Amino acid sequence: MEQNYDSLLLKNQLCFPLYAASREILRMYTPLLKEIDLTYTQYIVMMVLWEEKEISVGELGKKLYLDTGTLSPLLKSMEKKSLLTRSRDTVDERIVKIAITKEGDALREKAVRIPEKIGSCIKLSKDEAAFLYKILYSMLPS
């Protein structure tokens, strides 16, 4: 009996256009983030901190779908840049909290135009972008 290998064709893979689009978008971000001395992962950490001001590493990991093994060296490097501080929770020392610094908060002014610049490079209408956002988030674990 001959097997059907259609499921192995690249054109039939949902993961491939997601992967390729993700790489393309990250490529667009790179020069913009280089201007403010951030990697993409550091940028999304800063977005959370601009909103929250202070958060535990565990909660940050949940928001960004990143594990502590990925976050720890990243946060250490951001602390060296004076963008955030790390400290142990006073009630439960197992919990590490991060807080934005004045320098980190000031970086928001330099970053404020990045979403607009990226949006102008992506050829989707606002409705298409909103629909794609909804679909992609529905794929993530809750």
N, C-alpha and C. Protein backbone atom coordinates (compact mmCIF):
# COMPACT_ATOMS: atom_id res chain seq x y z
N MET A 1 0.84 -1.18 0.00
CA MET A 1 0.00 0.00 0.00
C MET A 1 0.89 1.25 0.00
N GLU A 2 0.59 2.16 -0.91
CA GLU A 2 1.37 3.39 -1.02
C GLU A 2 0.88 4.41 0.00
N GLN A 3 1.82 5.05 0.67
CA GLN A 3 1.45 6.05 1.67
C GLN A 3 1.28 7.41 1.03
N ASN A 4 0.42 8.20 1.62
CA ASN A 4 0.22 9.56 1.16
C ASN A 4 1.10 10.48 2.00
N TYR A 5 2.03 11.13 1.34
CA TYR A 5 2.97 12.01 2.03
C TYR A 5 2.61 13.50 1.91
N ASP A 6 1.38 13.78 1.50
CA ASP A 6 0.95 15.17 1.34
C ASP A 6 1.10 15.97 2.64
N SER A 7 0.93 15.31 3.75
CA SER A 7 1.02 16.03 5.03
C SER A 7 2.45 16.53 5.29
N LEU A 8 3.41 16.00 4.54
CA LEU A 8 4.80 16.42 4.71
C LEU A 8 5.24 17.49 3.72
N LEU A 9 4.34 17.92 2.86
CA LEU A 9 4.68 18.98 1.92
C LEU A 9 4.73 20.32 2.66
N LEU A 10 5.76 21.09 2.37
CA LEU A 10 5.93 22.38 3.03
C LEU A 10 4.70 23.28 2.84
N LYS A 11 4.11 23.23 1.66
CA LYS A 11 2.94 24.07 1.38
C LYS A 11 1.72 23.69 2.23
N ASN A 12 1.75 22.53 2.86
CA ASN A 12 0.63 22.09 3.70
C ASN A 12 0.90 22.30 5.19
N GLN A 13 1.96 23.00 5.52
CA GLN A 13 2.33 23.20 6.92
C GLN A 13 1.90 24.57 7.41
N LEU A 14 1.07 24.62 8.41
CA LEU A 14 0.69 25.88 9.04
C LEU A 14 1.90 26.51 9.75
N CYS A 15 2.74 25.66 10.31
CA CYS A 15 3.89 26.15 11.08
C CYS A 15 4.87 26.95 10.21
N PHE A 16 5.00 26.60 8.94
CA PHE A 16 6.00 27.28 8.13
C PHE A 16 5.70 28.76 7.88
N PRO A 17 4.50 29.13 7.42
CA PRO A 17 4.28 30.57 7.23
C PRO A 17 4.33 31.34 8.56
N LEU A 18 3.94 30.69 9.67
CA LEU A 18 4.07 31.35 10.98
C LEU A 18 5.53 31.61 11.29
N TYR A 19 6.37 30.60 11.07
CA TYR A 19 7.80 30.71 11.30
C TYR A 19 8.42 31.78 10.40
N ALA A 20 8.12 31.72 9.12
CA ALA A 20 8.71 32.66 8.16
C ALA A 20 8.25 34.10 8.44
N ALA A 21 6.97 34.28 8.74
CA ALA A 21 6.45 35.61 9.05
C ALA A 21 7.09 36.15 10.33
N SER A 22 7.24 35.30 11.32
CA SER A 22 7.87 35.71 12.57
C SER A 22 9.31 36.17 12.32
N ARG A 23 10.05 35.41 11.55
CA ARG A 23 11.44 35.78 11.23
C ARG A 23 11.48 37.10 10.47
N GLU A 24 10.57 37.29 9.54
CA GLU A 24 10.54 38.52 8.75
C GLU A 24 10.22 39.73 9.62
N ILE A 25 9.27 39.58 10.50
CA ILE A 25 8.90 40.69 11.40
C ILE A 25 10.06 41.00 12.34
N LEU A 26 10.69 39.99 12.89
CA LEU A 26 11.85 40.23 13.77
C LEU A 26 12.98 40.91 13.00
N ARG A 27 13.15 40.56 11.73
CA ARG A 27 14.15 41.22 10.90
C ARG A 27 13.84 42.71 10.75
N MET A 28 12.56 43.05 10.64
CA MET A 28 12.16 44.46 10.54
C MET A 28 12.43 45.21 11.85
N TYR A 29 12.24 44.54 12.96
CA TYR A 29 12.46 45.17 14.26
C TYR A 29 13.93 45.45 14.54
N THR A 30 14.82 44.60 14.03
CA THR A 30 16.23 44.64 14.42
C THR A 30 16.87 46.03 14.29
N PRO A 31 16.80 46.71 13.15
CA PRO A 31 17.46 48.02 13.08
C PRO A 31 16.82 49.07 13.99
N LEU A 32 15.52 48.98 14.17
CA LEU A 32 14.83 49.94 15.04
C LEU A 32 15.22 49.74 16.50
N LEU A 33 15.34 48.49 16.90
CA LEU A 33 15.71 48.19 18.28
C LEU A 33 17.19 48.43 18.53
N LYS A 34 17.99 48.28 17.50
CA LYS A 34 19.43 48.54 17.63
C LYS A 34 19.65 50.01 18.02
N GLU A 35 18.82 50.90 17.48
CA GLU A 35 18.92 52.33 17.80
C GLU A 35 18.73 52.61 19.29
N ILE A 36 17.97 51.76 19.97
CA ILE A 36 17.74 51.96 21.41
C ILE A 36 18.43 50.87 22.25
N ASP A 37 19.34 50.14 21.62
CA ASP A 37 20.18 49.14 22.28
C ASP A 37 19.37 48.05 22.99
N LEU A 38 18.36 47.52 22.29
CA LEU A 38 17.56 46.42 22.83
C LEU A 38 17.46 45.29 21.81
N THR A 39 17.38 44.08 22.31
CA THR A 39 17.00 42.95 21.48
C THR A 39 15.47 42.89 21.48
N TYR A 40 14.92 42.06 20.62
CA TYR A 40 13.45 41.95 20.61
C TYR A 40 12.93 41.44 21.95
N THR A 41 13.59 40.46 22.53
CA THR A 41 13.12 39.92 23.81
C THR A 41 13.23 40.98 24.91
N GLN A 42 14.29 41.76 24.91
CA GLN A 42 14.39 42.86 25.88
C GLN A 42 13.28 43.89 25.65
N TYR A 43 12.96 44.13 24.41
CA TYR A 43 11.89 45.08 24.06
C TYR A 43 10.54 44.63 24.62
N ILE A 44 10.22 43.35 24.48
CA ILE A 44 8.92 42.91 25.00
C ILE A 44 8.90 42.92 26.53
N VAL A 45 10.06 42.69 27.15
CA VAL A 45 10.15 42.84 28.61
C VAL A 45 9.87 44.30 28.98
N MET A 46 10.48 45.21 28.24
CA MET A 46 10.27 46.64 28.53
C MET A 46 8.81 47.04 28.33
N MET A 47 8.15 46.48 27.32
CA MET A 47 6.74 46.80 27.11
C MET A 47 5.92 46.41 28.33
N VAL A 48 6.21 45.26 28.91
CA VAL A 48 5.50 44.83 30.12
C VAL A 48 5.82 45.80 31.27
N LEU A 49 7.09 46.15 31.42
CA LEU A 49 7.47 47.04 32.51
C LEU A 49 6.92 48.46 32.33
N TRP A 50 6.85 48.95 31.12
CA TRP A 50 6.25 50.27 30.90
C TRP A 50 4.79 50.28 31.35
N GLU A 51 4.14 49.15 31.22
CA GLU A 51 2.74 49.04 31.63
C GLU A 51 2.60 48.73 33.13
N GLU A 52 3.37 47.77 33.61
CA GLU A 52 3.19 47.27 34.97
C GLU A 52 4.04 47.97 36.03
N LYS A 53 5.19 48.49 35.62
CA LYS A 53 6.19 49.12 36.52
C LYS A 53 6.93 48.11 37.38
N GLU A 54 6.25 47.12 37.93
CA GLU A 54 6.88 46.08 38.74
C GLU A 54 6.10 44.78 38.53
N ILE A 55 6.86 43.67 38.47
CA ILE A 55 6.23 42.37 38.24
C ILE A 55 7.18 41.28 38.70
N SER A 56 6.64 40.14 39.09
CA SER A 56 7.51 39.02 39.45
C SER A 56 8.03 38.37 38.17
N VAL A 57 9.17 37.72 38.27
CA VAL A 57 9.75 37.03 37.12
C VAL A 57 8.78 35.95 36.63
N GLY A 58 8.13 35.26 37.56
CA GLY A 58 7.17 34.22 37.19
C GLY A 58 6.01 34.77 36.37
N GLU A 59 5.46 35.89 36.81
CA GLU A 59 4.34 36.50 36.07
C GLU A 59 4.80 37.03 34.71
N LEU A 60 5.99 37.59 34.68
CA LEU A 60 6.55 38.07 33.41
C LEU A 60 6.69 36.90 32.44
N GLY A 61 7.20 35.78 32.93
CA GLY A 61 7.34 34.59 32.09
C GLY A 61 6.01 34.12 31.53
N LYS A 62 4.97 34.16 32.35
CA LYS A 62 3.63 33.77 31.87
C LYS A 62 3.15 34.71 30.78
N LYS A 63 3.33 36.00 30.98
CA LYS A 63 2.88 36.99 29.99
C LYS A 63 3.60 36.84 28.66
N LEU A 64 4.90 36.53 28.72
CA LEU A 64 5.72 36.49 27.51
C LEU A 64 5.94 35.08 26.98
N TYR A 65 5.38 34.07 27.64
CA TYR A 65 5.56 32.67 27.24
C TYR A 65 7.05 32.32 27.21
N LEU A 66 7.78 32.76 28.24
CA LEU A 66 9.20 32.47 28.37
C LEU A 66 9.47 31.82 29.72
N ASP A 67 10.42 30.89 29.77
CA ASP A 67 10.75 30.25 31.04
C ASP A 67 11.82 31.05 31.78
N THR A 68 11.99 30.74 33.06
CA THR A 68 12.94 31.49 33.87
C THR A 68 14.38 31.28 33.39
N GLY A 69 14.67 30.14 32.80
CA GLY A 69 16.01 29.91 32.25
C GLY A 69 16.35 30.87 31.13
N THR A 70 15.34 31.29 30.38
CA THR A 70 15.53 32.27 29.32
C THR A 70 15.55 33.68 29.91
N LEU A 71 14.66 33.92 30.87
CA LEU A 71 14.53 35.27 31.43
C LEU A 71 15.70 35.69 32.32
N SER A 72 16.22 34.78 33.13
CA SER A 72 17.25 35.15 34.11
C SER A 72 18.46 35.86 33.49
N PRO A 73 19.12 35.28 32.47
CA PRO A 73 20.27 36.00 31.89
C PRO A 73 19.85 37.29 31.19
N LEU A 74 18.68 37.27 30.59
CA LEU A 74 18.16 38.46 29.91
C LEU A 74 17.96 39.61 30.91
N LEU A 75 17.32 39.30 32.03
CA LEU A 75 17.06 40.32 33.05
C LEU A 75 18.36 40.81 33.69
N LYS A 76 19.30 39.90 33.86
CA LYS A 76 20.60 40.29 34.42
C LYS A 76 21.28 41.30 33.50
N SER A 77 21.25 41.05 32.21
CA SER A 77 21.86 41.97 31.24
C SER A 77 21.12 43.31 31.21
N MET A 78 19.81 43.27 31.35
CA MET A 78 19.02 44.52 31.37
C MET A 78 19.28 45.31 32.66
N GLU A 79 19.53 44.59 33.72
CA GLU A 79 19.86 45.26 34.98
C GLU A 79 21.21 45.97 34.85
N LYS A 80 22.17 45.34 34.17
CA LYS A 80 23.47 45.97 33.94
C LYS A 80 23.34 47.24 33.11
N LYS A 81 22.33 47.30 32.25
CA LYS A 81 22.07 48.50 31.44
C LYS A 81 21.27 49.54 32.22
N SER A 82 20.95 49.24 33.48
CA SER A 82 20.18 50.13 34.37
C SER A 82 18.74 50.34 33.89
N LEU A 83 18.18 49.36 33.19
CA LEU A 83 16.79 49.47 32.72
C LEU A 83 15.80 48.96 33.75
N LEU A 84 16.27 48.08 34.65
CA LEU A 84 15.41 47.48 35.66
C LEU A 84 16.24 47.09 36.87
N THR A 85 15.54 46.83 37.95
CA THR A 85 16.19 46.28 39.14
C THR A 85 15.54 44.93 39.45
N ARG A 86 16.33 44.05 40.06
CA ARG A 86 15.81 42.76 40.51
C ARG A 86 15.95 42.71 42.03
N SER A 87 14.93 42.17 42.69
CA SER A 87 15.00 42.03 44.14
C SER A 87 14.12 40.87 44.58
N ARG A 88 14.42 40.34 45.75
CA ARG A 88 13.62 39.26 46.32
C ARG A 88 12.39 39.85 46.99
N ASP A 89 11.29 39.15 46.89
CA ASP A 89 10.06 39.56 47.57
C ASP A 89 10.29 39.50 49.08
N THR A 90 9.79 40.49 49.80
CA THR A 90 10.01 40.55 51.25
C THR A 90 9.20 39.49 51.99
N VAL A 91 8.09 39.06 51.44
CA VAL A 91 7.24 38.05 52.09
C VAL A 91 7.69 36.64 51.73
N ASP A 92 8.00 36.42 50.45
CA ASP A 92 8.41 35.11 49.97
C ASP A 92 9.70 35.27 49.16
N GLU A 93 10.82 34.93 49.76
CA GLU A 93 12.12 35.15 49.13
C GLU A 93 12.35 34.30 47.89
N ARG A 94 11.49 33.32 47.64
CA ARG A 94 11.62 32.52 46.42
C ARG A 94 11.20 33.33 45.20
N ILE A 95 10.43 34.37 45.42
CA ILE A 95 9.92 35.20 44.32
C ILE A 95 10.87 36.34 44.04
N VAL A 96 11.28 36.46 42.76
CA VAL A 96 12.12 37.58 42.33
C VAL A 96 11.22 38.58 41.62
N LYS A 97 11.33 39.83 42.05
CA LYS A 97 10.55 40.90 41.43
C LYS A 97 11.48 41.77 40.60
N ILE A 98 10.96 42.26 39.52
CA ILE A 98 11.71 43.23 38.72
C ILE A 98 10.90 44.52 38.68
N ALA A 99 11.61 45.63 38.67
CA ALA A 99 10.97 46.95 38.63
C ALA A 99 11.71 47.82 37.63
N ILE A 100 10.97 48.64 36.95
CA ILE A 100 11.56 49.55 35.96
C ILE A 100 12.30 50.67 36.69
N THR A 101 13.39 51.12 36.10
CA THR A 101 14.15 52.25 36.64
C THR A 101 13.77 53.52 35.89
N LYS A 102 14.29 54.64 36.33
CA LYS A 102 14.06 55.90 35.61
C LYS A 102 14.60 55.81 34.18
N GLU A 103 15.78 55.19 34.05
CA GLU A 103 16.38 55.03 32.72
C GLU A 103 15.51 54.15 31.82
N GLY A 104 14.98 53.10 32.41
CA GLY A 104 14.10 52.21 31.64
C GLY A 104 12.82 52.90 31.23
N ASP A 105 12.27 53.67 32.14
CA ASP A 105 11.04 54.39 31.83
C ASP A 105 11.28 55.45 30.75
N ALA A 106 12.44 56.12 30.81
CA ALA A 106 12.77 57.15 29.83
C ALA A 106 12.94 56.56 28.43
N LEU A 107 13.34 55.29 28.35
CA LEU A 107 13.52 54.63 27.06
C LEU A 107 12.21 54.55 26.27
N ARG A 108 11.10 54.61 26.98
CA ARG A 108 9.79 54.53 26.32
C ARG A 108 9.62 55.63 25.28
N GLU A 109 10.15 56.81 25.56
CA GLU A 109 10.05 57.93 24.61
C GLU A 109 10.77 57.61 23.30
N LYS A 110 11.89 56.91 23.40
CA LYS A 110 12.65 56.55 22.20
C LYS A 110 11.98 55.42 21.43
N ALA A 111 11.18 54.62 22.12
CA ALA A 111 10.56 53.44 21.51
C ALA A 111 9.15 53.70 20.98
N VAL A 112 8.57 54.82 21.32
CA VAL A 112 7.14 55.04 21.06
C VAL A 112 6.75 54.95 19.58
N ARG A 113 7.65 55.23 18.67
CA ARG A 113 7.33 55.19 17.24
C ARG A 113 7.57 53.82 16.59
N ILE A 114 8.17 52.90 17.32
CA ILE A 114 8.50 51.59 16.73
C ILE A 114 7.26 50.84 16.25
N PRO A 115 6.19 50.72 17.04
CA PRO A 115 5.01 49.99 16.52
C PRO A 115 4.45 50.59 15.23
N GLU A 116 4.43 51.91 15.16
CA GLU A 116 3.93 52.58 13.95
C GLU A 116 4.81 52.26 12.74
N LYS A 117 6.13 52.30 12.93
CA LYS A 117 7.05 51.99 11.84
C LYS A 117 6.90 50.55 11.38
N ILE A 118 6.76 49.64 12.32
CA ILE A 118 6.57 48.22 11.96
C ILE A 118 5.23 48.05 11.25
N GLY A 119 4.20 48.67 11.78
CA GLY A 119 2.87 48.58 11.17
C GLY A 119 2.84 49.06 9.73
N SER A 120 3.64 50.07 9.43
CA SER A 120 3.66 50.59 8.06
C SER A 120 4.36 49.62 7.09
N CYS A 121 5.14 48.70 7.62
CA CYS A 121 5.84 47.71 6.77
C CYS A 121 5.01 46.46 6.53
N ILE A 122 4.00 46.25 7.34
CA ILE A 122 3.19 45.03 7.23
C ILE A 122 1.93 45.36 6.44
N LYS A 123 1.74 44.65 5.37
CA LYS A 123 0.66 44.96 4.44
C LYS A 123 -0.66 44.28 4.84
N LEU A 124 -1.19 44.70 5.97
CA LEU A 124 -2.49 44.22 6.44
C LEU A 124 -3.35 45.43 6.80
N SER A 125 -4.65 45.32 6.53
CA SER A 125 -5.55 46.38 6.99
C SER A 125 -5.68 46.26 8.51
N LYS A 126 -6.25 47.27 9.14
CA LYS A 126 -6.45 47.20 10.60
C LYS A 126 -7.34 46.02 10.97
N ASP A 127 -8.37 45.77 10.17
CA ASP A 127 -9.26 44.65 10.44
C ASP A 127 -8.54 43.31 10.28
N GLU A 128 -7.72 43.18 9.24
CA GLU A 128 -6.96 41.94 9.03
C GLU A 128 -5.98 41.73 10.18
N ALA A 129 -5.31 42.80 10.60
CA ALA A 129 -4.35 42.69 11.70
C ALA A 129 -5.06 42.28 12.99
N ALA A 130 -6.22 42.86 13.25
CA ALA A 130 -6.98 42.52 14.46
C ALA A 130 -7.43 41.06 14.41
N PHE A 131 -7.86 40.60 13.24
CA PHE A 131 -8.29 39.21 13.07
C PHE A 131 -7.11 38.26 13.28
N LEU A 132 -5.97 38.58 12.67
CA LEU A 132 -4.78 37.74 12.81
C LEU A 132 -4.35 37.69 14.28
N TYR A 133 -4.34 38.81 14.95
CA TYR A 133 -3.99 38.88 16.37
C TYR A 133 -4.87 37.94 17.18
N LYS A 134 -6.17 37.99 16.92
CA LYS A 134 -7.12 37.14 17.65
C LYS A 134 -6.85 35.66 17.38
N ILE A 135 -6.63 35.32 16.13
CA ILE A 135 -6.36 33.93 15.75
C ILE A 135 -5.07 33.43 16.40
N LEU A 136 -4.01 34.23 16.32
CA LEU A 136 -2.72 33.80 16.88
C LEU A 136 -2.81 33.61 18.39
N TYR A 137 -3.48 34.54 19.08
CA TYR A 137 -3.61 34.38 20.53
C TYR A 137 -4.47 33.17 20.88
N SER A 138 -5.42 32.82 20.04
CA SER A 138 -6.23 31.64 20.33
C SER A 138 -5.42 30.35 20.25
N MET A 139 -4.28 30.40 19.56
CA MET A 139 -3.42 29.22 19.44
C MET A 139 -2.51 29.04 20.65
N LEU A 140 -2.31 30.10 21.42
CA LEU A 140 -1.40 30.03 22.57
C LEU A 140 -2.07 29.38 23.77
N PRO A 141 -1.28 28.71 24.59
CA PRO A 141 -1.88 28.10 25.80
C PRO A 141 -2.39 29.19 26.75
N SER A 142 -3.49 28.89 27.40
CA SER A 142 -4.06 29.91 28.30
C SER A 142 -3.56 29.77 29.71
